[in-house]
C-alpha atoms as a PDB file:
ATOM      1  CA  MET A   1     -26.148 -15.203  -2.283  1.00  0.00           C
ATOM      2  CA  VAL A   2     -26.353 -15.342   1.493  1.00  0.00           C
ATOM      3  CA  LYS A   3     -26.014 -12.900   4.370  1.00  0.00           C
ATOM      4  CA  ILE A   4     -24.328 -14.349   7.449  1.00  0.00           C
ATOM      5  CA  THR A   5     -24.526 -12.446  10.718  1.00  0.00           C
ATOM      6  CA  LEU A   6     -22.196 -13.325  13.575  1.00  0.00           C
ATOM      7  CA  ASP A   7     -22.621 -12.230  17.177  1.00  0.00           C
ATOM      8  CA  VAL A   8     -19.022 -11.598  18.249  1.00  0.00           C
ATOM      9  CA  ASP A   9     -17.869 -10.910  21.808  1.00  0.00           C
ATOM     10  CA  GLY A  10     -14.597  -9.183  22.618  1.00  0.00           C
ATOM     11  CA  MET A  11     -14.351  -6.518  19.907  1.00  0.00           C
ATOM     12  CA  ALA A  12     -13.513  -3.201  21.589  1.00  0.00           C
ATOM     13  CA  CYS A  13     -12.346  -0.904  18.788  1.00  0.00           C
ATOM     14  CA  GLY A  14     -11.893  -0.414  15.064  1.00  0.00           C
ATOM     15  CA  MET A  15      -8.700  -2.484  15.083  1.00  0.00           C
ATOM     16  CA  CYS A  16     -10.640  -5.415  16.561  1.00  0.00           C
ATOM     17  CA  GLU A  17     -13.139  -5.077  13.709  1.00  0.00           C
ATOM     18  CA  ALA A  18     -10.255  -5.151  11.220  1.00  0.00           C
ATOM     19  CA  HIS A  19      -8.825  -8.325  12.803  1.00  0.00           C
ATOM     20  CA  VAL A  20     -12.143 -10.134  12.455  1.00  0.00           C
ATOM     21  CA  ASN A  21     -12.700  -8.855   8.897  1.00  0.00           C
ATOM     22  CA  ASP A  22      -9.193  -9.894   7.833  1.00  0.00           C
ATOM     23  CA  ALA A  23      -9.617 -13.374   9.340  1.00  0.00           C
ATOM     24  CA  VAL A  24     -12.849 -13.884   7.380  1.00  0.00           C
ATOM     25  CA  ARG A  25     -11.372 -12.555   4.110  1.00  0.00           C
ATOM     26  CA  LYS A  26      -8.259 -14.740   4.408  1.00  0.00           C
ATOM     27  CA  SER A  27     -10.235 -17.910   5.160  1.00  0.00           C
ATOM     28  CA  PHE A  28     -13.220 -17.631   2.811  1.00  0.00           C
ATOM     29  CA  ALA A  29     -14.257 -16.244  -0.574  1.00  0.00           C
ATOM     30  CA  VAL A  30     -16.655 -13.487   0.436  1.00  0.00           C
ATOM     31  CA  LYS A  31     -18.158 -10.545  -1.426  1.00  0.00           C
ATOM     32  CA  LYS A  32     -18.229  -8.244   1.608  1.00  0.00           C
ATOM     33  CA  VAL A  33     -17.491  -8.352   5.328  1.00  0.00           C
ATOM     34  CA  SER A  34     -18.029  -5.625   7.888  1.00  0.00           C
ATOM     35  CA  SER A  35     -17.884  -5.625  11.678  1.00  0.00           C
ATOM     36  CA  SER A  36     -19.174  -3.313  14.390  1.00  0.00           C
ATOM     37  CA  HIS A  37     -17.635  -3.432  17.853  1.00  0.00           C
ATOM     38  CA  CYS A  38     -20.492  -1.254  19.147  1.00  0.00           C
ATOM     39  CA  LYS A  39     -23.125  -3.754  17.999  1.00  0.00           C
ATOM     40  CA  GLY A  40     -20.942  -6.830  18.562  1.00  0.00           C
ATOM     41  CA  LYS A  41     -21.780  -8.049  15.065  1.00  0.00           C
ATOM     42  CA  THR A  42     -20.035  -9.086  11.875  1.00  0.00           C
ATOM     43  CA  GLU A  43     -21.990  -9.245   8.607  1.00  0.00           C
ATOM     44  CA  ILE A  44     -20.766 -11.298   5.677  1.00  0.00           C
ATOM     45  CA  ILE A  45     -22.130 -11.403   2.122  1.00  0.00           C
ATOM     46  CA  ALA A  46     -21.074 -14.501   0.185  1.00  0.00           C
ATOM     47  CA  ASP A  47     -22.123 -16.383  -2.941  1.00  0.00           C
ATOM     48  CA  GLU A  48     -22.500 -19.661  -1.027  1.00  0.00           C
ATOM     49  CA  PRO A  49     -23.180 -20.561   2.623  1.00  0.00           C
ATOM     50  CA  ILE A  50     -20.094 -21.017   4.813  1.00  0.00           C
ATOM     51  CA  ASP A  51     -19.866 -23.877   7.290  1.00  0.00           C
ATOM     52  CA  ASP A  52     -20.686 -22.508  10.767  1.00  0.00           C
ATOM     53  CA  ASP A  53     -17.922 -24.474  12.504  1.00  0.00           C
ATOM     54  CA  ASP A  54     -15.271 -23.319  10.004  1.00  0.00           C
ATOM     55  CA  LEU A  55     -16.415 -19.716  10.321  1.00  0.00           C
ATOM     56  CA  LYS A  56     -16.439 -19.876  14.116  1.00  0.00           C
ATOM     57  CA  LYS A  57     -12.954 -21.403  14.144  1.00  0.00           C
ATOM     58  CA  ALA A  58     -11.513 -18.708  11.843  1.00  0.00           C
ATOM     59  CA  VAL A  59     -12.884 -15.868  13.999  1.00  0.00           C
ATOM     60  CA  GLU A  60     -12.058 -17.454  17.354  1.00  0.00           C
ATOM     61  CA  GLU A  61      -8.443 -18.038  16.265  1.00  0.00           C
ATOM     62  CA  THR A  62      -8.087 -14.240  16.311  1.00  0.00           C
ATOM     63  CA  GLY A  63      -9.060 -14.156  20.005  1.00  0.00           C
ATOM     64  CA  TYR A  64     -12.743 -13.233  19.804  1.00  0.00           C
ATOM     65  CA  LYS A  65     -15.744 -15.339  20.850  1.00  0.00           C
ATOM     66  CA  VAL A  66     -18.554 -16.182  18.403  1.00  0.00           C
ATOM     67  CA  LEU A  67     -21.824 -16.271  20.356  1.00  0.00           C
ATOM     68  CA  GLY A  68     -24.165 -16.992  17.445  1.00  0.00           C
ATOM     69  CA  ILE A  69     -24.414 -17.379  13.677  1.00  0.00           C
ATOM     70  CA  HIS A  70     -27.469 -16.602  11.546  1.00  0.00           C
ATOM     71  CA  THR A  71     -27.640 -17.237   7.783  1.00  0.00           C
ATOM     72  CA  GLU A  72     -30.362 -15.911   5.483  1.00  0.00           C
ATOM     73  CA  PRO A  73     -30.845 -15.437   1.733  1.00  0.00           C
ATOM     74  CA  PHE A  74     -29.518 -12.150   0.399  1.00  0.00           C
ATOM     75  CA  GLU A  75     -30.733 -10.222  -2.605  1.00  0.00           C
ATOM     76  CA  LYS A  76     -28.725  -7.263  -3.752  1.00  0.00           C
ATOM     77  CA  LYS A  77     -30.866  -4.182  -3.635  1.00  0.00           C
ATOM     78  CA  GLY A  78     -30.274  -1.601  -6.287  1.00  0.00           C
ATOM     79  CA  ILE A  79     -31.911   1.343  -7.909  1.00  0.00           C
ATOM     80  CA  THR A  80     -34.222   0.371 -10.716  1.00  0.00           C
ATOM     81  CA  PHE A  81     -34.959   2.892 -13.420  1.00  0.00           C
ATOM     82  CA  PHE A  82     -38.083   2.613 -15.483  1.00  0.00           C
ATOM     83  CA  ARG A  83     -38.436   4.238 -18.877  1.00  0.00           C
ATOM     84  CA  LYS A  84     -41.734   5.297 -20.351  1.00  0.00           C
END
């Protein structure tokens, strides 16, 4: 799994976040996507890396500007219970 973080310019409200999230969901098979207009970021969790150019194109077609893309490995963190 990978975590992809986009720096997105132009998001001003919750509806802008929804537009970006919907564009990502419609274009790619992702586990999770969330955006923050306050931080100017969109975070995506996916099983496989997504081509940067394809991702940028999908977001920019909604009217927002992608300033940067960072991909890193992602490990799901969960609560582990140990029995004695």
